[in-house]
Protein backbone atom coordinates (compact mmCIF):
# COMPACT_ATOMS: atom_id res chain seq x y z
CA MET A 1 121.87 41.04 76.67
CA ARG A 2 119.24 43.55 77.63
CA THR A 3 120.18 47.16 77.52
CA LYS A 4 119.09 49.41 80.31
CA THR A 5 116.50 51.89 79.15
CA LEU A 6 117.52 55.47 79.49
CA LYS A 7 115.19 57.11 81.84
CA LYS A 8 114.77 60.89 81.69
CA ASN A 9 116.31 62.57 84.75
CA LYS A 10 114.13 64.87 86.97
CA ILE A 11 116.30 67.50 88.66
CA ASN A 12 115.09 68.76 92.04
CA VAL A 13 116.79 71.98 93.17
CA VAL A 14 116.60 72.49 97.02
CA THR A 15 117.29 76.04 98.27
CA LEU A 16 118.68 76.97 101.72
CA GLY A 17 119.59 80.36 103.07
CA CYS A 18 118.91 83.89 101.90
CA SER A 19 117.32 85.62 98.98
CA LYS A 20 120.64 85.70 97.03
CA ASN A 21 120.54 81.89 97.02
CA VAL A 22 116.95 81.90 95.95
CA TYR A 23 118.06 84.04 92.98
CA ASP A 24 120.93 81.72 92.16
CA SER A 25 118.69 78.66 92.19
CA GLU A 26 116.27 80.44 89.85
CA VAL A 27 119.01 81.15 87.36
CA LEU A 28 120.18 77.51 87.63
CA MET A 29 116.62 76.28 86.89
CA GLY A 30 116.31 78.75 84.03
CA GLN A 31 119.46 77.34 82.46
CA LEU A 32 118.29 73.72 82.98
CA ARG A 33 114.94 74.49 81.45
CA ALA A 34 116.55 76.16 78.43
CA ASN A 35 118.54 72.85 78.06
CA ASN A 36 115.19 71.03 77.92
CA LYS A 37 115.90 69.43 81.30
CA GLU A 38 112.96 68.54 83.58
CA VAL A 39 113.44 70.70 86.71
CA VAL A 40 111.39 71.21 89.85
CA HIS A 41 111.89 73.20 93.14
CA GLU A 42 111.77 71.30 96.32
CA GLU A 43 109.71 68.46 94.96
CA GLU A 44 110.61 64.86 94.06
CA GLY A 45 113.36 64.24 91.64
CA ASN A 46 116.04 61.47 91.04
CA VAL A 47 118.78 64.05 90.71
CA VAL A 48 119.18 66.53 93.57
CA VAL A 49 121.07 69.91 93.65
CA ILE A 50 121.29 71.37 97.13
CA ASN A 51 122.09 75.15 97.20
CA THR A 52 123.54 75.63 100.60
CA CYS A 53 124.03 78.40 103.08
CA GLY A 54 127.41 78.76 104.97
CA PHE A 55 127.00 81.84 106.85
CA ILE A 56 126.19 81.26 110.53
CA ALA A 57 126.09 78.20 112.80
CA ASN A 58 122.45 77.15 112.60
CA ALA A 59 122.41 77.80 108.83
CA LYS A 60 125.44 75.63 108.30
CA GLU A 61 123.87 72.90 110.44
CA GLU A 62 120.70 73.04 108.39
CA SER A 63 122.63 72.70 105.18
CA VAL A 64 124.82 69.80 106.47
CA ASN A 65 121.62 68.00 107.70
CA THR A 66 120.02 68.44 104.26
CA ILE A 67 123.06 67.01 102.41
CA LEU A 68 123.07 64.03 104.92
CA GLU A 69 119.37 63.52 104.37
CA TYR A 70 119.75 63.28 100.54
CA VAL A 71 122.92 61.13 100.75
CA GLN A 72 120.74 58.68 102.81
CA LYS A 73 118.11 58.69 100.16
CA LYS A 74 120.84 57.97 97.59
CA GLU A 75 121.91 54.95 99.67
CA GLU A 76 118.35 53.78 99.74
CA GLY A 77 118.05 54.16 95.97
CA VAL A 78 115.41 56.92 96.16
CA VAL A 79 117.68 59.33 94.38
CA ASP A 80 120.41 58.62 91.91
CA LYS A 81 122.71 61.63 92.33
CA VAL A 82 123.35 64.39 94.79
CA PHE A 83 125.16 67.61 93.88
CA VAL A 84 125.96 70.41 96.34
CA THR A 85 126.49 74.11 95.47
CA GLY A 86 126.19 77.47 97.23
CA CYS A 87 128.17 79.12 100.09
CA LEU A 88 128.87 76.19 102.29
CA SER A 89 130.36 74.29 99.47
CA GLU A 90 132.41 77.33 98.43
CA ARG A 91 133.79 77.74 102.02
CA TYR A 92 134.29 74.20 103.12
CA LYS A 93 134.68 72.11 99.94
CA PRO A 94 137.80 70.05 101.10
CA ASP A 95 136.24 69.30 104.52
CA LEU A 96 132.90 68.37 102.97
CA GLN A 97 134.59 66.03 100.34
CA LYS A 98 136.33 64.28 103.23
CA GLU A 99 133.41 64.16 105.61
CA ILE A 100 130.55 63.39 103.24
CA PRO A 101 132.24 61.64 100.23
CA ASP A 102 128.99 60.10 98.88
CA VAL A 103 127.96 63.45 97.28
CA ASP A 104 128.64 63.12 93.59
CA GLN A 105 130.21 66.55 93.27
CA TYR A 106 130.64 69.83 95.12
CA PHE A 107 130.55 73.23 93.38
CA GLY A 108 131.33 76.75 94.65
CA THR A 109 129.24 79.86 94.15
CA THR A 110 130.85 80.90 90.88
CA GLU A 111 130.98 77.39 89.23
CA LEU A 112 127.54 77.43 87.60
CA PRO A 113 128.93 76.34 84.12
CA GLY A 114 130.65 73.34 85.79
CA LEU A 115 127.47 72.36 87.74
CA LEU A 116 125.39 72.58 84.46
CA LYS A 117 127.92 70.34 82.69
CA ALA A 118 127.66 67.74 85.54
CA LEU A 119 123.93 67.88 85.01
CA GLY A 120 124.32 67.29 81.29
CA ALA A 121 123.55 70.88 80.32
CA ASP A 122 125.33 73.69 78.62
CA TYR A 123 125.76 77.22 80.05
CA LYS A 124 123.82 79.62 77.77
CA HIS A 125 125.32 83.14 77.94
CA GLU A 126 122.40 84.64 76.00
CA LEU A 127 119.85 83.90 78.81
CA ILE A 128 120.07 87.23 80.54
CA GLY A 129 117.41 87.37 83.06
CA GLU A 130 115.82 84.05 82.07
CA ARG A 131 114.98 82.44 85.31
CA LEU A 132 112.35 80.12 86.72
CA THR A 133 111.05 82.17 89.62
CA THR A 134 110.15 80.20 92.80
CA THR A 135 108.59 83.12 94.68
CA PRO A 136 104.80 83.96 94.38
CA LYS A 137 104.19 85.22 90.86
CA ASN A 138 103.75 88.89 91.89
CA TYR A 139 107.35 89.56 93.20
CA ALA A 140 110.92 88.49 92.39
CA TYR A 141 114.37 89.19 93.60
CA LEU A 142 116.68 91.10 91.38
CA LYS A 143 120.26 90.56 92.26
CA ILE A 144 122.22 93.79 91.15
CA ALA A 145 125.67 92.75 92.37
CA GLU A 146 127.63 89.87 93.64
CA GLY A 147 130.33 89.80 96.39
CA CYS A 148 131.36 92.41 98.73
CA ASP A 149 134.52 94.65 99.41
CA ARG A 150 133.57 95.62 103.02
CA PRO A 151 135.98 94.43 105.72
CA CYS A 152 133.33 93.63 108.42
CA SER A 153 135.09 91.54 111.07
CA PHE A 154 132.16 89.04 111.76
CA CYS A 155 131.35 88.27 108.11
CA ALA A 156 132.48 85.41 105.94
CA ILE A 157 130.59 86.52 102.87
CA PRO A 158 133.67 87.91 100.96
CA ILE A 159 135.34 84.50 101.38
CA MET A 160 132.26 82.82 99.84
CA ARG A 161 131.12 85.35 97.23
CA GLY A 162 134.35 87.23 96.33
CA LYS A 163 134.85 90.89 95.49
CA HIS A 164 131.91 93.26 94.65
CA ARG A 165 130.91 93.02 90.99
CA SER A 166 128.01 95.12 89.78
CA THR A 167 125.65 93.99 86.93
CA PRO A 168 125.40 96.53 84.22
CA ILE A 169 122.18 98.72 84.19
CA GLU A 170 121.13 97.59 80.78
CA ASP A 171 121.28 93.85 81.74
CA LEU A 172 119.25 94.51 84.83
CA VAL A 173 116.58 96.44 82.87
CA THR A 174 116.33 93.50 80.42
CA GLU A 175 115.90 91.13 83.28
CA ALA A 176 113.24 93.33 84.91
CA GLU A 177 111.42 93.54 81.55
CA LYS A 178 111.26 89.74 81.30
CA LEU A 179 110.07 89.38 84.90
CA ALA A 180 107.37 91.97 84.20
CA ALA A 181 106.34 90.17 81.10
CA ASN A 182 105.81 87.10 83.35
CA GLY A 183 103.48 89.03 85.67
CA VAL A 184 105.95 90.24 88.30
CA LYS A 185 104.83 93.47 89.76
CA GLU A 186 107.36 93.97 92.61
CA LEU A 187 111.14 93.92 92.27
CA ILE A 188 113.14 93.30 95.51
CA LEU A 189 116.69 94.67 94.84
CA ILE A 190 119.29 92.56 96.60
CA ALA A 191 123.08 92.37 96.83
CA GLN A 192 125.57 91.92 99.56
CA ASP A 193 125.76 95.74 99.55
CA LEU A 194 123.38 97.97 97.53
CA THR A 195 125.19 101.25 98.29
CA TYR A 196 128.36 100.13 96.52
CA TYR A 197 126.44 99.53 93.27
CA GLY A 198 128.16 100.90 90.21
CA LEU A 199 131.53 101.90 91.70
CA ASP A 200 133.37 99.21 89.81
CA LEU A 201 131.59 99.75 86.40
CA TYR A 202 130.82 103.45 86.40
CA LYS A 203 133.39 104.84 88.91
CA LYS A 204 130.56 106.20 91.09
CA ARG A 205 127.75 104.98 93.32
CA ASN A 206 125.06 104.51 90.84
CA LEU A 207 122.00 103.11 92.60
CA ALA A 208 119.95 106.20 91.97
CA GLU A 209 120.49 105.91 88.14
CA LEU A 210 119.63 102.22 88.20
CA LEU A 211 116.36 103.00 89.99
CA GLN A 212 115.52 105.72 87.50
CA ASN A 213 115.89 103.17 84.63
CA LEU A 214 113.99 100.43 86.45
CA VAL A 215 110.92 102.63 87.14
CA LYS A 216 110.44 103.01 83.41
CA VAL A 217 109.85 99.18 82.98
CA GLU A 218 106.15 98.72 82.10
CA GLY A 219 104.19 96.49 84.53
CA ILE A 220 106.55 96.93 87.52
CA GLU A 221 104.73 98.85 90.26
CA TRP A 222 106.89 98.47 93.36
CA ILE A 223 110.74 98.43 93.69
CA ARG A 224 112.10 97.78 97.09
CA LEU A 225 115.59 98.15 98.47
CA HIS A 226 117.38 95.46 100.59
CA TYR A 227 120.70 95.30 102.31
CA ALA A 228 122.11 98.81 102.11
CA PHE A 229 125.32 99.59 103.96
CA PRO A 230 125.31 102.70 106.21
CA THR A 231 128.90 103.94 105.25
CA GLY A 232 128.94 106.07 102.08
CA PHE A 233 125.20 105.77 101.46
CA PRO A 234 124.42 107.52 98.17
CA MET A 235 121.93 110.13 99.24
CA ASP A 236 120.61 110.79 95.79
CA VAL A 237 118.73 107.55 96.18
CA LEU A 238 116.41 109.31 98.67
CA ASP A 239 115.42 111.96 96.00
CA VAL A 240 114.45 109.11 93.69
CA MET A 241 112.40 107.40 96.47
CA LYS A 242 110.64 110.62 97.27
CA ASN A 243 109.83 111.51 93.68
CA GLU A 244 109.19 108.10 92.13
CA PRO A 245 105.85 106.44 93.39
CA LYS A 246 107.16 103.10 92.23
CA VAL A 247 110.17 103.08 94.60
CA CYS A 248 108.79 101.95 97.91
CA ASN A 249 109.34 104.19 100.96
CA TYR A 250 111.26 101.38 102.50
CA ILE A 251 114.94 100.51 103.10
CA ASP A 252 116.63 97.47 104.70
CA ILE A 253 119.90 98.76 106.26
CA PRO A 254 121.65 96.35 108.53
CA LEU A 255 123.36 98.47 111.25
CA GLN A 256 124.48 95.52 113.45
CA HIS A 257 125.37 97.67 116.53
CA ILE A 258 125.66 101.23 117.80
CA ALA A 259 128.15 101.25 120.71
CA ASP A 260 131.41 102.83 119.32
CA PRO A 261 133.89 100.20 120.78
CA ILE A 262 131.88 97.39 119.12
CA LEU A 263 131.46 99.34 115.78
CA LYS A 264 135.22 99.90 115.75
CA SER A 265 136.02 96.12 116.42
CA MET A 266 133.43 95.18 113.85
CA ARG A 267 135.30 97.38 111.33
CA ARG A 268 132.09 99.05 110.29
CA GLY A 269 133.72 102.41 109.27
CA THR A 270 131.12 104.40 111.18
CA THR A 271 130.25 105.67 114.69
CA GLN A 272 127.16 106.05 116.81
CA ALA A 273 126.99 109.81 115.97
CA LYS A 274 127.36 109.28 112.20
CA THR A 275 124.75 106.49 112.09
CA THR A 276 122.20 108.40 114.08
CA LYS A 277 122.80 111.49 111.78
CA LEU A 278 122.21 109.20 108.71
CA LEU A 279 118.93 107.95 110.12
CA GLU A 280 117.82 111.58 110.85
CA ASP A 281 118.71 112.52 107.25
CA PHE A 282 116.65 109.51 105.96
CA ARG A 283 113.62 110.52 107.98
CA ALA A 284 114.00 114.22 107.02
CA ALA A 285 114.28 113.38 103.27
CA VAL A 286 111.38 110.75 103.28
CA PRO A 287 109.34 111.15 106.38
CA GLU A 288 106.96 108.22 105.77
CA MET A 289 109.93 105.77 105.11
CA ALA A 290 109.85 102.44 106.90
CA ILE A 291 113.42 101.64 108.03
CA ARG A 292 114.31 97.94 108.67
CA THR A 293 117.54 96.94 110.33
CA THR A 294 119.18 93.98 111.88
CA LEU A 295 121.43 93.86 114.92
CA ILE A 296 123.94 91.44 116.36
CA VAL A 297 124.32 90.97 120.10
CA GLY A 298 126.96 89.03 122.08
CA TYR A 299 129.83 89.98 119.81
CA PRO A 300 133.28 89.37 121.41
CA GLY A 301 134.02 91.96 124.08
CA GLU A 302 130.39 93.30 124.25
CA THR A 303 130.11 94.63 127.77
CA GLU A 304 126.90 95.23 129.71
CA GLU A 305 127.44 98.94 129.12
CA ASP A 306 127.69 98.41 125.32
CA PHE A 307 124.49 96.41 125.39
CA GLN A 308 122.70 99.09 127.39
CA THR A 309 123.87 101.70 124.90
CA LEU A 310 122.38 99.61 122.10
CA LYS A 311 119.16 99.01 124.00
CA GLN A 312 118.74 102.75 124.74
CA TRP A 313 119.30 103.57 121.13
CA VAL A 314 116.69 101.06 119.95
CA ILE A 315 114.18 102.63 122.30
CA GLU A 316 115.08 106.14 120.93
CA GLN A 317 115.04 105.21 117.17
CA ARG A 318 111.75 103.33 117.09
CA PHE A 319 112.54 101.36 114.00
CA GLU A 320 109.52 100.24 111.99
CA ARG A 321 111.14 96.75 111.32
CA MET A 322 113.91 94.99 113.14
CA GLY A 323 115.60 91.52 113.41
CA CYS A 324 118.22 90.67 116.08
CA PHE A 325 120.78 87.79 115.80
CA THR A 326 123.20 86.35 118.42
CA TYR A 327 126.79 86.45 117.29
CA SER A 328 128.13 83.39 115.51
CA HIS A 329 131.93 82.82 115.72
CA GLU A 330 133.04 82.10 112.19
CA GLU A 331 136.45 80.75 111.24
CA ASN A 332 138.51 82.74 108.68
CA THR A 333 136.85 86.02 109.74
CA HIS A 334 138.69 88.79 111.35
CA ALA A 335 136.62 88.42 114.56
CA TYR A 336 137.62 84.77 114.85
CA ASN A 337 140.97 85.93 116.34
CA LEU A 338 138.95 87.44 119.26
CA GLU A 339 137.73 85.43 122.25
CA ASP A 340 134.00 84.53 121.83
CA ASP A 341 133.59 85.56 125.48
CA VAL A 342 129.90 86.35 125.91
CA PRO A 343 128.22 83.19 127.17
CA GLU A 344 125.45 81.71 124.99
CA ASP A 345 122.70 82.25 127.51
CA VAL A 346 123.69 85.89 127.90
CA LYS A 347 123.62 86.32 124.02
CA MET A 348 120.08 84.83 123.91
CA GLN A 349 118.90 86.90 126.80
CA ARG A 350 120.19 90.08 125.17
CA ALA A 351 118.53 89.17 121.80
CA ASN A 352 115.21 88.45 123.62
CA GLU A 353 115.43 91.88 125.46
CA ILE A 354 115.91 93.72 122.15
CA MET A 355 113.14 91.87 120.40
CA ALA A 356 110.82 92.51 123.46
CA ILE A 357 111.38 96.28 123.06
CA GLN A 358 110.94 96.03 119.28
CA SER A 359 107.67 94.05 119.65
CA GLN A 360 106.28 96.81 121.91
CA ILE A 361 107.39 99.56 119.37
CA SER A 362 105.88 97.62 116.46
CA TRP A 363 102.63 97.23 118.36
CA GLU A 364 102.40 101.01 119.11
CA LEU A 365 103.24 101.97 115.56
CA ASN A 366 100.61 99.41 114.29
CA GLN A 367 97.96 100.89 116.57
CA GLU A 368 98.47 104.26 114.86
CA LYS A 369 97.49 102.55 111.54
CA ILE A 370 93.97 101.57 112.67
CA GLY A 371 91.36 103.44 110.56
CA LYS A 372 93.91 104.39 107.86
CA THR A 373 93.88 103.29 104.18
CA PHE A 374 96.77 101.49 102.59
CA ARG A 375 97.44 99.97 99.13
CA VAL A 376 98.15 96.33 99.61
CA ILE A 377 99.30 93.49 97.38
CA ILE A 378 97.95 90.02 98.00
CA ASP A 379 100.62 87.33 98.12
CA ARG A 380 98.56 84.28 99.06
CA LYS A 381 95.48 82.79 100.73
CA GLU A 382 96.21 80.95 104.08
CA GLY A 383 93.24 79.31 105.90
CA SER A 384 90.32 81.78 106.08
CA TYR A 385 92.51 84.85 105.31
CA TYR A 386 94.01 86.53 102.25
CA VAL A 387 97.58 87.64 103.23
CA GLY A 388 98.89 90.87 101.77
CA ARG A 389 101.52 93.49 102.40
CA THR A 390 101.86 97.21 102.21
CA GLU A 391 104.81 99.04 100.56
CA PHE A 392 106.36 99.22 103.96
CA ASP A 393 106.67 95.37 104.21
CA SER A 394 108.95 92.92 102.67
CA PRO A 395 107.81 89.31 102.12
CA ASP A 396 108.66 86.75 104.84
CA VAL A 397 110.37 89.16 107.26
CA ASP A 398 107.82 91.92 107.88
CA ASN A 399 104.24 92.68 108.95
CA GLU A 400 101.38 91.10 107.02
CA VAL A 401 97.95 92.40 106.34
CA LEU A 402 95.16 89.77 106.98
CA ILE A 403 91.89 90.16 105.18
CA ASN A 404 88.87 87.78 105.90
CA ALA A 405 88.35 85.61 102.91
CA GLU A 406 84.79 85.09 103.66
CA GLU A 407 84.05 88.69 102.74
CA GLY A 408 84.72 88.12 99.11
CA TYR A 409 87.22 86.87 96.45
CA LEU A 410 90.48 88.56 96.12
CA ARG A 411 92.88 87.62 93.25
CA THR A 412 96.44 87.00 94.51
CA GLY A 413 99.03 89.10 92.88
CA GLU A 414 96.70 92.10 92.54
CA PHE A 415 96.63 95.43 94.36
CA PHE A 416 93.66 96.51 96.62
CA ASN A 417 92.97 99.52 98.82
CA VAL A 418 92.16 98.40 102.35
CA LYS A 419 91.23 99.98 105.56
CA ILE A 420 92.98 98.70 108.77
CA THR A 421 90.42 97.60 111.39
CA ALA A 422 92.71 96.04 114.05
CA ALA A 423 96.44 95.55 114.86
CA GLU A 424 98.70 93.26 116.73
CA ASP A 425 102.53 93.34 117.36
CA PHE A 426 103.35 92.27 113.77
CA ASP A 427 100.06 91.73 111.90
CA LEU A 428 97.40 94.08 110.72
CA TYR A 429 93.71 93.18 109.99
CA ALA A 430 91.86 94.99 107.27
CA GLU A 431 88.80 95.15 105.06
CA VAL A 432 88.86 95.93 101.38
CA LEU A 433 87.40 99.16 100.33
CA SER A 434 84.95 99.01 97.46
CA GLU A 435 86.44 100.41 94.31
C-alpha cells in the first residue's frame, strides 16, 4: 500500500482587532518560528490560526465572518485545519463550539501553550521578547501589562483578559533591546491600562521608572504611550516626558464621556471637574503635548442635555486627536443591565456631530503648522507619496505627513526634517529640508 507523504504545514496567522492582538499574534509567530515551523501573516497557508476580537458588535461580526470564511475553505479542501484564538474565543467558546463546530479547536487569550501544542510546537519560556513583528520595521508594539482591574460598566475586557498583570521592567528592557537590534526605532507602549503599571509587582505606579529604563535602550528613538486611564494617573510620567527627548510628547487617554451622570453610570471613578483639571495639568506640564482621546456616545440613559455637555466640552478642549464610537450593548457587562434606550440613528447622528466638530478643530490646528519644521519618520511609500508621521501621531489612527516621492528618494524607517507646505483636516503635506 502507498503511504501518504507527509507534507510540511504552512501556518497562516490572521489577526483581527486591536494592537494587543497584533502583539499576541507576533509572540505566537515567534514561538512557531523557534519551533522551526513555517509561519506567515495573512498570506496563504494550509493551517490557519484566527486571532479574534470580541469587544464590540461590528468587531465580533468581522471575527465570526472570518471564521466562517476559513471553515468554508476547509470544506473546499483549500485549507486543512482552522484554529481560533483571542478575545471572541475566550468570551464565547461554548457558543462558538456549538454554532461553528467545524473549527478544529478554540483557545482563549491565555492558552498559548495549548494552541502551540495543537500546532505541533512546544512553548519556549526562554523566548522573552522574541517575536516576528508584522508592523513596518521601524515601529513595534510593546505590551507592558495584560488584563484590567477597572470596573467600567460598558467594557468586557476584564472578562476576556482577566486581572491586571504587569510585565517586569527587566523583561521589557530585554524585549526592547531585541526589537532595537532588528531595526525598530519606535516603541508604542500598550496595555489595557498603562497608568496601573507596576502596582501588582512594585506596589506603586511605576510607569515613569519603566520609561527611564527604556530610554537607555540603544537604537530606540521614540517611545509613545497608548491607553492611559484618567483616574490615578501617575504625574511623574509627565516629568519624564518633558525631560526625555525619546519619550514622545503624546498620550492616548480614552476619556469616554464628560457628563457627570454618564461618568457615574460608566463607573469611571472621575467627574467632569477632575478630568478637566487633569487635562489642564497635562498641558501645563508639557505645553506641546498632543492629547488623543476616544469618546462613546449613545450610552444608556444619555440625554440630549448630557450630549450637549459633551459637545460643548469637545469644543472647549480642542483635542489634537480624537475618535468617537457609538455605544455597543455587551452581555455580561454591568451596563448590560441598563436599557439600551438611545436609538441607533440618534447614536450615529451624535457620533457624526462630534467628529464634524473634531474635523474642524483638527483642520485649524493643522493650518497653524504650515511653514513649521518637524522631524518625521517615513513608514511607507503609497502611490506617488512617501507617508510619514511626526512624534504627535500614532500609526493608523492619526495624521499623516505626505511628501511627494518625485522630489527624491527617501528610505522608509528613517527620520527626516521636513517643512509643512499645506494642510487638510487630517493630513499634512511637506517637503524635505536638505540636511
